[in-house]
Amino acid sequence: MSLPEDASVFFVGNATTLIRYNGFTLLTDPNFLHRGQRAHLGYGLNSRRRTDPAIGVEELPPLDAVVLSHMHGDHWDRVARKGLNKDTPIITTPHAARRLRHQGFGAAVGLRTWHDHELYRDGRTVKITSLPARHAPGGAQALLPPVMGSMLEFCGADGRVDLRIHLSGDTLMDHRCLSGIPRRFPDIDLGIVHLGGTRILGMLVTMDGEQGARWVNLINPRTVMPVHYDDYTVFTSSLDDFRRHVERVGWADRVRYVARGESLHLPTRHGADIFRTPEMGRPS
């Protein structure tokens, strides 16, 4: 079964998704390494991939933009660098944008926290806002590339927001860092949360299951889609860990578990659609 052309999130693997809505097609954190290949994490560190992506970079449809949370090898790899069109806008951190421009991606846009960038198509827009994120505790943040969360706001020709999607990015659950998000965006339709309990040099640098459940409680999205949980050897917290914790705090009914190669169908804010059961398929 092929995917619908619009209103879906297709899960490629790790933190890579293909979001199609209101005529826009966005790719997040492109990671197309295959099982056994290694992602470079800096300082001579690397991690072996345990899984294959659902599709290859050559199978992607035309893109309006890439949303990149940060410059780590499991979010931006050598396959993406070689295979993506160099003219594609890449919305990311200022740090990553500078590196991307050196790699030939001249349309890279670096956003400071709370700043935004808009894309336009046939009278409709999608506004991408950079949100705070914390990739390591305390001063250890200086050892890792800066990271951002993102808010995607899809607006129709009338200017009203039809859909609001929050991408957590690789962050720890830090209330002081993240509490401004629900204050500014109290009405979030879908939260795509990066999990995995990633450990580098013994340090936790992404949310484990317990932190993920607290993130859901703080951000309060209507629906939650977990990603970034079993693809690499540096991940220490399983999807079942997250499942247990969200069940314990009473948020299990909000979570949709989408396997690689499956899609989550999206609602419209002003319509009667609801999030439906994922269906198998590939983007056409």
Protein backbone atom coordinates (compact mmCIF):
# COMPACT_ATOMS: atom_id res chain seq x y z
CA MET A 1 0.00 0.00 0.00
CA SER A 2 1.45 3.37 -1.01
CA LEU A 3 1.41 6.32 1.33
CA PRO A 4 -1.02 9.19 0.84
CA GLU A 5 0.67 12.19 -0.74
CA ASP A 6 -0.39 14.46 2.09
CA ALA A 7 -1.15 14.43 5.83
CA SER A 8 1.30 11.79 7.05
CA VAL A 9 4.55 11.18 8.92
CA PHE A 10 6.57 8.35 7.38
CA PHE A 11 9.15 6.83 9.74
CA VAL A 12 12.43 6.14 7.93
CA GLY A 13 14.42 5.21 11.05
CA ASN A 14 16.37 6.74 13.94
CA ALA A 15 15.21 10.41 13.97
CA THR A 16 14.55 10.50 10.22
CA THR A 17 10.94 11.13 9.21
CA LEU A 18 9.23 12.35 6.08
CA ILE A 19 6.45 14.81 6.95
CA ARG A 20 3.91 15.65 4.25
CA TYR A 21 1.19 18.18 4.91
CA ASN A 22 -0.62 21.01 3.09
CA GLY A 23 1.45 20.31 -0.02
CA PHE A 24 4.79 20.58 1.85
CA THR A 25 7.30 17.74 2.12
CA LEU A 26 9.86 18.00 4.93
CA LEU A 27 12.63 15.59 5.87
CA THR A 28 13.95 15.49 9.43
CA ASP A 29 17.47 14.54 10.61
CA PRO A 30 18.54 12.59 7.50
CA ASN A 31 20.33 9.36 8.45
CA PHE A 32 20.63 6.77 5.70
CA LEU A 33 23.51 4.62 6.92
CA HIS A 34 22.79 0.89 6.86
CA ARG A 35 23.14 -1.86 9.43
CA GLY A 36 26.78 -2.31 10.45
CA GLN A 37 27.94 1.10 9.25
CA ARG A 38 29.27 3.57 11.79
CA ALA A 39 28.09 7.08 12.57
CA HIS A 40 30.76 9.55 13.66
CA LEU A 41 30.02 11.38 16.92
CA GLY A 42 33.17 13.50 17.24
CA TYR A 43 36.36 13.19 19.33
CA GLY A 44 37.11 9.90 17.59
CA LEU A 45 33.88 8.36 18.89
CA ASN A 46 31.50 6.43 16.70
CA SER A 47 28.52 4.12 16.99
CA ARG A 48 27.49 1.15 14.85
CA ARG A 49 24.03 1.14 13.33
CA ARG A 50 21.87 -1.86 14.28
CA THR A 51 19.09 -1.34 11.73
CA ASP A 52 18.46 -0.43 8.10
CA PRO A 53 16.52 2.69 7.09
CA ALA A 54 13.12 2.01 5.57
CA ILE A 55 14.11 3.74 2.32
CA GLY A 56 17.30 4.99 0.71
CA VAL A 57 18.14 8.62 0.09
CA GLU A 58 17.64 8.02 -3.64
CA GLU A 59 13.98 7.04 -2.99
CA LEU A 60 13.01 10.36 -1.43
CA PRO A 61 10.37 12.51 -3.15
CA PRO A 62 11.21 16.16 -3.95
CA LEU A 63 11.75 18.08 -0.71
CA ASP A 64 10.74 21.58 0.32
CA ALA A 65 13.25 21.55 3.17
CA VAL A 66 15.23 19.50 5.66
CA VAL A 67 14.88 20.18 9.40
CA LEU A 68 18.15 19.23 11.10
CA SER A 69 18.36 19.27 14.89
CA HIS A 70 22.17 19.20 15.07
CA MET A 71 25.36 18.02 13.42
CA HIS A 72 25.92 14.48 14.67
CA GLY A 73 26.62 11.48 12.43
CA ASP A 74 23.37 9.72 13.30
CA HIS A 75 21.37 12.80 12.20
CA TRP A 76 23.41 14.01 9.25
CA ASP A 77 25.60 11.34 7.66
CA ARG A 78 27.87 10.95 4.65
CA VAL A 79 25.08 9.30 2.64
CA ALA A 80 22.78 12.30 3.13
CA ARG A 81 25.62 14.71 2.37
CA LYS A 82 26.29 12.95 -0.92
CA GLY A 83 22.73 12.13 -1.93
CA LEU A 84 20.66 15.22 -1.10
CA ASN A 85 20.22 18.06 -3.56
CA LYS A 86 22.67 20.82 -2.64
CA ASP A 87 19.97 23.47 -3.30
CA THR A 88 17.61 22.06 -0.66
CA PRO A 89 16.96 24.50 2.22
CA ILE A 90 18.21 23.01 5.50
CA ILE A 91 16.79 24.63 8.63
CA THR A 92 19.10 24.04 11.56
CA THR A 93 21.32 25.61 14.22
CA PRO A 94 23.78 28.40 13.28
CA HIS A 95 26.66 26.00 14.07
CA ALA A 96 25.35 23.32 11.69
CA ALA A 97 24.42 25.87 9.00
CA ARG A 98 28.02 27.11 8.83
CA ARG A 99 29.31 23.56 8.37
CA LEU A 100 26.66 22.76 5.78
CA ARG A 101 27.52 25.80 3.70
CA HIS A 102 31.15 24.60 3.66
CA GLN A 103 29.82 21.27 2.36
CA GLY A 104 28.09 23.04 -0.52
CA PHE A 105 24.58 23.38 0.90
CA GLY A 106 24.25 27.10 0.21
CA ALA A 107 20.58 27.31 1.21
CA ALA A 108 21.25 26.24 4.82
CA VAL A 109 19.49 28.53 7.32
CA GLY A 110 20.81 28.84 10.89
CA LEU A 111 18.21 29.79 13.51
CA ARG A 112 18.89 31.08 17.00
CA THR A 113 16.54 29.85 19.72
CA TRP A 114 12.96 31.18 19.34
CA HIS A 115 13.73 32.51 15.85
CA ASP A 116 11.78 31.18 12.87
CA HIS A 117 11.88 30.66 9.13
CA GLU A 118 8.86 30.38 6.79
CA LEU A 119 8.34 28.37 3.63
CA TYR A 120 5.61 29.30 1.13
CA ARG A 121 3.63 27.22 -1.36
CA ASP A 122 0.40 28.14 -3.18
CA GLY A 123 -0.68 30.64 -0.53
CA ARG A 124 0.05 28.25 2.34
CA THR A 125 2.97 28.40 4.75
CA VAL A 126 4.92 26.32 7.20
CA LYS A 127 6.74 28.21 9.93
CA ILE A 128 9.72 26.45 11.51
CA THR A 129 10.71 27.81 14.93
CA SER A 130 13.93 26.87 16.72
CA LEU A 131 13.27 25.72 20.29
CA PRO A 132 15.57 25.19 23.27
CA ALA A 133 17.20 21.81 23.83
CA ARG A 134 20.00 20.51 26.05
CA HIS A 135 22.15 17.67 24.68
CA ALA A 136 24.27 17.14 27.80
CA PRO A 137 24.26 18.03 31.49
CA GLY A 138 25.94 21.20 32.75
CA GLY A 139 29.23 22.24 31.24
CA ALA A 140 29.45 19.01 29.23
CA GLN A 141 27.26 20.74 26.65
CA ALA A 142 30.43 22.36 25.30
CA LEU A 143 31.67 18.91 24.22
CA LEU A 144 28.68 18.29 21.92
CA PRO A 145 27.34 20.24 18.94
CA PRO A 146 24.54 22.72 19.71
CA VAL A 147 21.10 21.19 19.24
CA MET A 148 17.63 22.59 18.68
CA GLY A 149 14.10 21.38 18.99
CA SER A 150 11.67 22.58 16.33
CA MET A 151 8.05 23.65 16.03
CA LEU A 152 6.43 23.17 12.65
CA GLU A 153 3.27 25.24 12.15
CA PHE A 154 1.36 24.50 8.96
CA CYS A 155 -1.03 27.30 7.96
CA GLY A 156 -3.69 27.34 5.27
CA ALA A 157 -4.44 30.13 2.83
CA ASP A 158 -6.56 31.83 5.52
CA GLY A 159 -3.50 32.12 7.79
CA ARG A 160 -4.90 29.85 10.49
CA VAL A 161 -2.71 27.08 11.95
CA ASP A 162 -3.98 23.74 10.67
CA LEU A 163 -1.37 21.57 12.36
CA ARG A 164 1.37 22.06 14.93
CA ILE A 165 4.18 19.46 15.24
CA HIS A 166 6.96 19.63 17.81
CA LEU A 167 10.26 17.81 17.20
CA SER A 168 12.10 17.43 20.50
CA GLY A 169 15.58 17.06 19.01
CA ASP A 170 18.26 15.26 21.01
CA THR A 171 17.64 16.77 24.41
CA LEU A 172 17.58 15.83 28.05
CA MET A 173 14.48 16.49 30.09
CA ASP A 174 15.42 19.76 31.79
CA HIS A 175 12.40 21.70 33.04
CA ARG A 176 14.25 25.02 33.19
CA CYS A 177 15.42 24.61 29.61
CA LEU A 178 12.17 23.33 28.10
CA SER A 179 9.40 24.94 30.16
CA GLY A 180 9.13 27.91 27.78
CA ILE A 181 7.91 25.61 25.00
CA PRO A 182 4.44 24.80 26.39
CA ARG A 183 4.05 28.40 27.58
CA ARG A 184 4.55 29.70 24.03
CA PHE A 185 2.89 26.75 22.31
CA PRO A 186 0.13 25.40 24.57
CA ASP A 187 -1.71 23.68 21.71
CA ILE A 188 0.50 21.01 20.09
CA ASP A 189 -1.06 18.34 17.89
CA LEU A 190 1.89 15.95 17.62
CA GLY A 191 5.10 15.61 19.60
CA ILE A 192 7.88 13.58 17.95
CA VAL A 193 10.18 12.67 20.83
CA HIS A 194 13.83 11.55 20.59
CA LEU A 195 14.53 8.83 23.15
CA GLY A 196 17.15 6.08 23.47
CA GLY A 197 18.94 7.05 26.66
CA THR A 198 22.08 7.69 24.59
CA ARG A 199 25.30 7.43 26.59
CA ILE A 200 28.59 8.93 25.42
CA LEU A 201 31.66 8.68 27.66
CA GLY A 202 29.34 7.39 30.38
CA MET A 203 27.16 10.49 30.14
CA LEU A 204 23.42 10.46 29.39
CA VAL A 205 22.81 12.80 26.42
CA THR A 206 19.27 11.94 25.24
CA MET A 207 16.13 11.11 27.17
CA ASP A 208 15.59 7.63 28.53
CA GLY A 209 12.10 6.21 29.09
CA GLU A 210 11.57 7.94 32.42
CA GLN A 211 12.65 11.34 31.10
CA GLY A 212 10.56 10.80 27.98
CA ALA A 213 7.44 10.30 30.08
CA ARG A 214 8.19 13.52 31.97
CA TRP A 215 8.69 15.29 28.62
CA VAL A 216 5.20 14.19 27.54
CA ASN A 217 3.80 15.52 30.80
CA LEU A 218 5.52 18.90 30.35
CA ILE A 219 5.00 19.46 26.60
CA ASN A 220 1.47 18.00 26.67
CA PRO A 221 0.97 17.15 22.96
CA ARG A 222 -2.31 15.57 21.91
CA THR A 223 -0.43 12.69 20.31
CA VAL A 224 3.13 11.41 20.78
CA MET A 225 5.32 9.53 18.31
CA PRO A 226 8.58 8.11 19.76
CA VAL A 227 11.69 7.87 17.54
CA HIS A 228 15.47 7.49 18.07
CA TYR A 229 15.41 4.50 20.41
CA ASP A 230 17.06 1.35 19.00
CA ASP A 231 19.09 2.18 15.90
CA TYR A 232 22.58 2.58 17.42
CA THR A 233 24.79 0.83 19.93
CA VAL A 234 25.05 3.95 22.11
CA PHE A 235 21.33 3.71 22.94
CA THR A 236 20.72 2.20 26.38
CA SER A 237 16.97 2.74 26.98
CA SER A 238 14.52 0.63 24.95
CA LEU A 239 11.13 1.59 23.58
CA ASP A 240 9.59 -0.75 26.17
CA ASP A 241 11.24 1.37 28.87
CA PHE A 242 9.38 4.42 27.55
CA ARG A 243 6.18 2.39 27.20
CA ARG A 244 6.31 1.31 30.86
CA HIS A 245 6.84 4.86 32.10
CA VAL A 246 4.08 6.47 30.02
CA GLU A 247 1.70 3.75 31.18
CA ARG A 248 2.72 4.42 34.78
CA VAL A 249 1.94 8.15 34.52
CA GLY A 250 -1.30 7.64 32.59
CA TRP A 251 -0.31 8.95 29.14
CA ALA A 252 -0.33 5.64 27.23
CA ASP A 253 -3.43 6.55 25.22
CA ARG A 254 -1.57 9.47 23.62
CA VAL A 255 1.31 7.43 22.20
CA ARG A 256 1.36 5.99 18.67
CA TYR A 257 4.09 3.43 18.05
CA VAL A 258 5.13 3.62 14.40
CA ALA A 259 7.58 1.06 13.01
CA ARG A 260 10.18 1.87 10.37
CA GLY A 261 8.44 1.84 7.01
CA GLU A 262 5.06 2.76 8.51
CA SER A 263 3.26 6.07 8.46
CA LEU A 264 1.17 7.98 10.95
CA HIS A 265 -1.77 9.78 9.36
CA LEU A 266 -2.23 13.36 10.51
CA PRO A 267 -5.38 15.29 11.41
CA THR A 268 -6.44 18.76 10.41
CA ARG A 269 -7.07 21.18 13.25
CA HIS A 270 -10.31 22.43 11.69
CA GLY A 271 -11.44 19.09 10.33
CA ALA A 272 -12.90 15.91 11.78
CA ASP A 273 -9.90 13.65 11.14
CA ILE A 274 -8.13 11.90 14.01
CA PHE A 275 -4.79 10.16 14.19
CA ARG A 276 -5.34 6.74 12.70
CA THR A 277 -3.59 3.41 12.90
CA PRO A 278 -0.29 3.40 10.99
CA GLU A 279 -0.27 1.71 7.60
CA MET A 280 2.60 0.15 5.73
CA GLY A 281 3.90 1.84 2.62
CA ARG A 282 6.60 3.82 0.92
CA PRO A 283 6.52 7.44 -0.16
CA SER A 284 5.65 7.77 -3.81
